[in-house]
Amino acid sequence: MCVRYHAGMTPAARRKSHENFVKDRVTTMIATVAFGMGIDKPDVRNVIHYGAPRNIESYYQEIGRAGRDGCPSKCVVFYNNQEIAKHR
C-alpha cells in the first residue's frame, strides 16, 4: 500500500500520511520535497526522484534520508537532458 504527501493536501491528511509511513503501516510514500524535510525514519531503503533535482546540494540532502540505520539503500533519478538544461 502507498500514500501520498504534497502541499495541496489538508494538514490533517498530511499528518495521517506521515504517521502511516513512519509507523510502517504503509511501505511506499509518493511525495514532493515538502515531505522529506520532516522525516525521521532510519530504515528508508529507496529514494526515487522523478525528474532532476534543482541542484546537487538538494539531491544530496534528499538522498540522505535513505539508509540512516546503516543498511544498504538505493537512490535513483529518472530525468532527461531537457531537465538538466533547465536547472543550469
N, C-alpha and C. Protein backbone atom coordinates (compact mmCIF):
# COMPACT_ATOMS: atom_id res chain seq x y z
N MET A 1 0.84 -1.18 0.00
CA MET A 1 0.00 0.00 0.00
C MET A 1 0.88 1.24 0.00
N CYS A 2 0.43 2.29 -0.63
CA CYS A 2 1.19 3.53 -0.63
C CYS A 2 0.27 4.70 -0.28
N VAL A 3 0.90 5.78 0.16
CA VAL A 3 0.18 7.01 0.48
C VAL A 3 0.88 8.16 -0.22
N ARG A 4 0.24 9.32 -0.21
CA ARG A 4 0.81 10.50 -0.87
C ARG A 4 1.00 11.62 0.13
N TYR A 5 1.81 12.59 -0.27
CA TYR A 5 2.08 13.75 0.58
C TYR A 5 2.50 14.90 -0.31
N HIS A 6 1.71 15.99 -0.27
CA HIS A 6 2.06 17.18 -1.05
C HIS A 6 1.37 18.39 -0.45
N ALA A 7 1.80 19.56 -0.85
CA ALA A 7 1.31 20.82 -0.27
C ALA A 7 -0.17 21.06 -0.50
N GLY A 8 -0.77 20.44 -1.51
CA GLY A 8 -2.18 20.64 -1.79
C GLY A 8 -3.12 19.88 -0.87
N MET A 9 -2.57 19.04 -0.01
CA MET A 9 -3.39 18.27 0.93
C MET A 9 -3.68 19.10 2.18
N THR A 10 -4.73 18.73 2.88
CA THR A 10 -5.01 19.40 4.15
C THR A 10 -3.94 19.01 5.17
N PRO A 11 -3.71 19.83 6.17
CA PRO A 11 -2.73 19.46 7.21
C PRO A 11 -3.06 18.12 7.87
N ALA A 12 -4.33 17.84 8.09
CA ALA A 12 -4.73 16.57 8.71
C ALA A 12 -4.38 15.39 7.81
N ALA A 13 -4.62 15.53 6.52
CA ALA A 13 -4.30 14.45 5.58
C ALA A 13 -2.79 14.24 5.50
N ARG A 14 -2.02 15.33 5.51
CA ARG A 14 -0.55 15.20 5.50
C ARG A 14 -0.08 14.49 6.77
N ARG A 15 -0.62 14.88 7.92
CA ARG A 15 -0.23 14.23 9.19
C ARG A 15 -0.53 12.74 9.16
N LYS A 16 -1.69 12.38 8.63
CA LYS A 16 -2.07 10.96 8.56
C LYS A 16 -1.12 10.18 7.65
N SER A 17 -0.79 10.73 6.50
CA SER A 17 0.15 10.06 5.59
C SER A 17 1.51 9.89 6.25
N HIS A 18 1.98 10.96 6.89
CA HIS A 18 3.28 10.92 7.58
C HIS A 18 3.27 9.86 8.67
N GLU A 19 2.25 9.85 9.49
CA GLU A 19 2.16 8.88 10.59
C GLU A 19 2.11 7.45 10.07
N ASN A 20 1.33 7.20 9.03
CA ASN A 20 1.24 5.85 8.47
C ASN A 20 2.57 5.38 7.92
N PHE A 21 3.34 6.27 7.34
CA PHE A 21 4.65 5.90 6.80
C PHE A 21 5.65 5.64 7.93
N VAL A 22 5.73 6.54 8.87
CA VAL A 22 6.70 6.42 9.96
C VAL A 22 6.41 5.19 10.83
N LYS A 23 5.14 4.85 11.00
CA LYS A 23 4.77 3.70 11.83
C LYS A 23 4.69 2.39 11.03
N ASP A 24 5.21 2.40 9.80
CA ASP A 24 5.29 1.20 8.95
C ASP A 24 3.93 0.60 8.62
N ARG A 25 2.89 1.40 8.57
CA ARG A 25 1.58 0.92 8.14
C ARG A 25 1.50 0.87 6.62
N VAL A 26 2.37 1.63 5.96
CA VAL A 26 2.49 1.61 4.50
C VAL A 26 3.98 1.50 4.17
N THR A 27 4.27 0.99 2.98
CA THR A 27 5.67 0.80 2.60
C THR A 27 6.17 1.83 1.61
N THR A 28 5.25 2.56 0.98
CA THR A 28 5.66 3.49 -0.07
C THR A 28 4.99 4.84 0.12
N MET A 29 5.81 5.89 0.00
CA MET A 29 5.33 7.26 0.10
C MET A 29 5.62 7.94 -1.24
N ILE A 30 4.61 8.48 -1.88
CA ILE A 30 4.76 9.27 -3.09
C ILE A 30 4.65 10.72 -2.63
N ALA A 31 5.72 11.49 -2.78
CA ALA A 31 5.73 12.81 -2.16
C ALA A 31 6.53 13.84 -2.94
N THR A 32 6.22 15.09 -2.65
CA THR A 32 7.03 16.20 -3.13
C THR A 32 8.13 16.45 -2.10
N VAL A 33 9.02 17.38 -2.38
CA VAL A 33 10.11 17.68 -1.44
C VAL A 33 9.58 18.18 -0.10
N ALA A 34 8.34 18.61 -0.04
CA ALA A 34 7.75 19.07 1.22
C ALA A 34 7.78 17.97 2.28
N PHE A 35 7.76 16.73 1.87
CA PHE A 35 7.75 15.62 2.83
C PHE A 35 9.12 15.36 3.44
N GLY A 36 10.15 15.37 2.66
CA GLY A 36 11.47 14.94 3.10
C GLY A 36 12.05 15.69 4.27
N MET A 37 11.72 16.96 4.42
CA MET A 37 12.35 17.76 5.46
C MET A 37 11.97 17.30 6.87
N GLY A 38 10.80 16.73 7.05
CA GLY A 38 10.37 16.36 8.39
C GLY A 38 10.50 14.88 8.70
N ILE A 39 11.14 14.13 7.83
CA ILE A 39 11.19 12.69 8.02
C ILE A 39 12.32 12.29 8.97
N ASP A 40 11.98 11.48 9.95
CA ASP A 40 12.97 10.91 10.86
C ASP A 40 12.69 9.42 10.93
N LYS A 41 13.05 8.72 9.87
CA LYS A 41 12.79 7.29 9.75
C LYS A 41 14.08 6.64 9.28
N PRO A 42 14.75 5.90 10.13
CA PRO A 42 16.09 5.39 9.79
C PRO A 42 16.11 4.29 8.74
N ASP A 43 14.98 3.59 8.51
CA ASP A 43 15.01 2.43 7.63
C ASP A 43 14.41 2.69 6.24
N VAL A 44 14.57 3.89 5.73
CA VAL A 44 14.16 4.17 4.34
C VAL A 44 15.15 3.45 3.43
N ARG A 45 14.66 2.62 2.53
CA ARG A 45 15.52 1.80 1.67
C ARG A 45 15.69 2.37 0.27
N ASN A 46 14.73 3.11 -0.21
CA ASN A 46 14.79 3.62 -1.59
C ASN A 46 14.31 5.06 -1.64
N VAL A 47 15.04 5.87 -2.39
CA VAL A 47 14.61 7.23 -2.70
C VAL A 47 14.65 7.34 -4.22
N ILE A 48 13.50 7.60 -4.81
CA ILE A 48 13.40 7.68 -6.27
C ILE A 48 12.95 9.08 -6.65
N HIS A 49 13.73 9.73 -7.48
CA HIS A 49 13.38 11.06 -7.99
C HIS A 49 12.81 10.90 -9.39
N TYR A 50 11.63 11.46 -9.61
CA TYR A 50 11.07 11.53 -10.95
C TYR A 50 11.31 12.95 -11.42
N GLY A 51 12.41 13.13 -12.09
CA GLY A 51 12.83 14.45 -12.52
C GLY A 51 14.11 14.84 -11.80
N ALA A 52 14.88 15.66 -12.46
CA ALA A 52 16.17 16.08 -11.90
C ALA A 52 15.97 17.05 -10.73
N PRO A 53 16.71 16.87 -9.65
CA PRO A 53 16.67 17.85 -8.56
C PRO A 53 17.19 19.20 -9.04
N ARG A 54 16.85 20.27 -8.32
CA ARG A 54 17.25 21.62 -8.74
C ARG A 54 18.76 21.80 -8.76
N ASN A 55 19.45 21.18 -7.81
CA ASN A 55 20.90 21.30 -7.74
C ASN A 55 21.46 20.12 -6.95
N ILE A 56 22.78 19.98 -6.98
CA ILE A 56 23.42 18.84 -6.33
C ILE A 56 23.24 18.89 -4.81
N GLU A 57 23.19 20.07 -4.24
CA GLU A 57 23.00 20.19 -2.79
C GLU A 57 21.63 19.65 -2.38
N SER A 58 20.61 19.98 -3.15
CA SER A 58 19.26 19.46 -2.87
C SER A 58 19.24 17.94 -2.98
N TYR A 59 19.86 17.43 -4.04
CA TYR A 59 19.90 15.98 -4.24
C TYR A 59 20.60 15.30 -3.07
N TYR A 60 21.73 15.84 -2.66
CA TYR A 60 22.49 15.26 -1.55
C TYR A 60 21.65 15.22 -0.28
N GLN A 61 20.94 16.28 0.00
CA GLN A 61 20.10 16.33 1.20
C GLN A 61 18.95 15.33 1.09
N GLU A 62 18.33 15.24 -0.06
CA GLU A 62 17.18 14.36 -0.24
C GLU A 62 17.57 12.88 -0.19
N ILE A 63 18.70 12.51 -0.77
CA ILE A 63 19.09 11.10 -0.71
C ILE A 63 19.62 10.72 0.66
N GLY A 64 19.98 11.71 1.45
CA GLY A 64 20.44 11.45 2.81
C GLY A 64 19.37 10.90 3.71
N ARG A 65 18.14 10.83 3.24
CA ARG A 65 17.05 10.24 4.02
C ARG A 65 17.12 8.71 4.00
N ALA A 66 17.87 8.15 3.07
CA ALA A 66 17.93 6.69 2.92
C ALA A 66 19.08 6.09 3.73
N GLY A 67 18.81 4.92 4.30
CA GLY A 67 19.85 4.13 4.94
C GLY A 67 20.47 4.72 6.19
N ARG A 68 19.75 5.51 6.92
CA ARG A 68 20.31 6.11 8.13
C ARG A 68 20.61 5.08 9.21
N ASP A 69 20.07 3.88 9.07
CA ASP A 69 20.35 2.82 10.03
C ASP A 69 21.59 2.02 9.65
N GLY A 70 22.27 2.42 8.58
CA GLY A 70 23.49 1.75 8.15
C GLY A 70 23.28 0.59 7.20
N CYS A 71 22.04 0.23 6.90
CA CYS A 71 21.76 -0.87 5.97
C CYS A 71 21.77 -0.35 4.54
N PRO A 72 22.05 -1.25 3.57
CA PRO A 72 22.10 -0.82 2.17
C PRO A 72 20.79 -0.19 1.71
N SER A 73 20.92 0.85 0.91
CA SER A 73 19.78 1.58 0.36
C SER A 73 20.12 2.03 -1.05
N LYS A 74 19.10 2.38 -1.83
CA LYS A 74 19.31 2.82 -3.21
C LYS A 74 18.68 4.18 -3.44
N CYS A 75 19.31 4.95 -4.30
CA CYS A 75 18.76 6.22 -4.77
C CYS A 75 18.82 6.21 -6.29
N VAL A 76 17.72 6.56 -6.92
CA VAL A 76 17.60 6.53 -8.37
C VAL A 76 17.00 7.85 -8.84
N VAL A 77 17.48 8.35 -9.98
CA VAL A 77 16.91 9.56 -10.58
C VAL A 77 16.48 9.23 -12.01
N PHE A 78 15.25 9.53 -12.33
CA PHE A 78 14.76 9.44 -13.70
C PHE A 78 14.69 10.87 -14.23
N TYR A 79 15.44 11.16 -15.29
CA TYR A 79 15.50 12.51 -15.82
C TYR A 79 15.77 12.47 -17.31
N ASN A 80 15.68 13.63 -17.95
CA ASN A 80 16.07 13.75 -19.35
C ASN A 80 16.97 14.98 -19.50
N ASN A 81 17.59 15.12 -20.63
CA ASN A 81 18.54 16.21 -20.85
C ASN A 81 17.88 17.59 -20.77
N GLN A 82 16.62 17.69 -21.13
CA GLN A 82 15.92 18.98 -21.04
C GLN A 82 15.82 19.45 -19.58
N GLU A 83 15.60 18.52 -18.67
CA GLU A 83 15.54 18.89 -17.25
C GLU A 83 16.88 19.39 -16.74
N ILE A 84 17.94 18.74 -17.16
CA ILE A 84 19.28 19.17 -16.74
C ILE A 84 19.55 20.58 -17.26
N ALA A 85 19.22 20.83 -18.52
CA ALA A 85 19.45 22.15 -19.11
C ALA A 85 18.61 23.22 -18.40
N LYS A 86 17.40 22.88 -17.99
CA LYS A 86 16.52 23.83 -17.31
C LYS A 86 17.11 24.30 -15.98
N HIS A 87 17.83 23.44 -15.29
CA HIS A 87 18.37 23.76 -13.97
C HIS A 87 19.76 24.39 -14.02
N ARG A 88 20.30 24.59 -15.20
CA ARG A 88 21.64 25.20 -15.30
C ARG A 88 21.58 26.68 -15.12
